[in-house]
Protein backbone atom coordinates (compact mmCIF):
# COMPACT_ATOMS: atom_id res chain seq x y z
CA MET A 1 -41.64 -7.65 21.24
CA ARG A 2 -42.26 -4.03 20.39
CA VAL A 3 -44.94 -1.72 21.75
CA LYS A 4 -45.65 1.87 20.87
CA ALA A 5 -45.87 4.48 23.64
CA LEU A 6 -47.77 7.69 22.89
CA TYR A 7 -47.41 10.71 25.16
CA TYR A 8 -49.84 13.57 25.66
CA ALA A 9 -49.58 17.10 27.11
CA THR A 10 -46.98 17.36 29.89
CA PHE A 11 -45.70 13.83 29.17
CA ARG A 12 -44.64 15.09 25.73
CA GLN A 13 -42.74 17.91 27.39
CA ILE A 14 -40.98 15.56 29.81
CA THR A 15 -40.03 12.94 27.21
CA GLY A 16 -39.41 15.38 24.39
CA ARG A 17 -41.40 13.24 22.02
CA LYS A 18 -44.91 12.46 20.88
CA GLU A 19 -44.36 8.71 20.54
CA GLU A 20 -41.75 5.99 20.48
CA GLU A 21 -41.41 2.25 19.97
CA VAL A 22 -40.07 0.31 22.94
CA GLU A 23 -38.48 -3.13 22.78
CA LEU A 24 -39.57 -5.36 25.70
CA LYS A 25 -39.21 -9.03 26.57
CA ASN A 26 -42.02 -11.39 25.58
CA ASN A 27 -44.84 -11.58 28.13
CA ALA A 28 -44.00 -8.09 29.41
CA ARG A 29 -46.59 -6.24 31.43
CA VAL A 30 -47.50 -2.58 31.81
CA SER A 31 -45.27 -2.52 34.91
CA ASP A 32 -42.28 -3.59 32.77
CA LEU A 33 -42.96 -0.79 30.31
CA LEU A 34 -43.23 1.70 33.16
CA SER A 35 -39.94 0.50 34.68
CA PHE A 36 -38.21 0.94 31.34
CA LEU A 37 -39.64 4.44 30.87
CA PHE A 38 -38.83 5.50 34.45
CA LYS A 39 -35.20 4.50 33.90
CA LYS A 40 -35.08 6.30 30.56
CA TYR A 41 -36.83 9.55 31.55
CA GLY A 42 -36.03 9.73 35.24
CA ARG A 43 -37.62 11.05 38.36
CA GLU A 44 -39.76 13.79 36.79
CA PHE A 45 -41.54 11.30 34.54
CA ARG A 46 -41.97 8.79 37.38
CA GLU A 47 -43.39 11.35 39.78
CA SER A 48 -45.77 12.67 37.13
CA ILE A 49 -47.26 9.16 36.80
CA MET A 50 -46.90 7.56 40.23
CA ASP A 51 -47.97 8.68 43.69
CA ASP A 52 -47.31 6.58 46.81
CA GLY A 53 -46.78 3.42 44.75
CA GLY A 54 -49.94 3.79 42.69
CA LEU A 55 -51.10 5.68 39.67
CA ARG A 56 -51.37 9.42 40.35
CA MET A 57 -54.98 10.60 40.53
CA GLY A 58 -56.27 11.62 37.12
CA VAL A 59 -53.45 9.96 35.14
CA LYS A 60 -54.72 7.49 32.57
CA ILE A 61 -52.87 4.70 30.83
CA LEU A 62 -54.76 3.20 27.91
CA LEU A 63 -53.84 -0.02 26.14
CA ASN A 64 -55.24 -0.12 22.63
CA GLY A 65 -57.94 2.31 23.75
CA ARG A 66 -58.85 0.51 27.00
CA ASP A 67 -58.06 1.90 30.44
CA VAL A 68 -55.60 -0.54 32.07
CA ASP A 69 -57.35 0.10 35.41
CA PHE A 70 -60.27 -1.89 33.99
CA ILE A 71 -58.09 -4.74 32.72
CA ASP A 72 -55.39 -5.92 35.16
CA GLY A 73 -53.80 -2.60 36.11
CA PHE A 74 -50.00 -2.66 36.07
CA ASP A 75 -50.16 -6.45 35.64
CA THR A 76 -51.89 -6.09 32.27
CA GLU A 77 -49.98 -8.21 29.76
CA LEU A 78 -48.67 -6.55 26.62
CA ARG A 79 -48.46 -8.07 23.15
CA ASP A 80 -46.33 -7.26 20.17
CA GLY A 81 -47.75 -4.24 18.35
CA ASP A 82 -49.76 -2.90 21.29
CA VAL A 83 -50.20 0.85 21.63
CA VAL A 84 -50.02 2.38 25.10
CA HIS A 85 -51.28 5.95 25.61
CA PHE A 86 -50.13 8.06 28.57
CA PHE A 87 -52.51 10.87 29.56
CA PRO A 88 -51.54 13.19 32.43
CA ALA A 89 -53.99 14.45 35.00
CA ILE A 90 -55.81 17.41 33.55
CA ALA A 91 -57.14 20.12 35.79
CA GLY A 92 -58.23 23.65 35.50
CA GLY A 93 -60.54 25.56 33.35
CA LYS A 94 -63.03 28.10 34.51
CA VAL A 95 -66.70 27.62 34.04
CA SER A 96 -68.34 30.87 33.13
CA ARG A 97 -72.04 31.55 33.15
CA ASP A 98 -73.72 34.12 31.06
CA GLN A 99 -75.45 36.46 33.47
CA ASN A 100 -78.14 38.20 31.47
């Protein structure tokens, strides 16, 4: 089966691409996709997603628009044609207040 992986922000910088199609075995899970991507893109990609065996705080993985944390996490089953979005943790920004 084939799934599409879409990368945002720093994940685009690490992978060097905006999106790609990945060939996986039938009945693959999010964990299988992650294993494939970790092998392909290496330590920097893995460490930008994982922290102490779990998803790094603030990182979001969406399957067809749904947060996998609210499905079955890394055990979420994938289907042919699924789209998986990888969003890095986003921090920063300064809140300014108009002081009149």
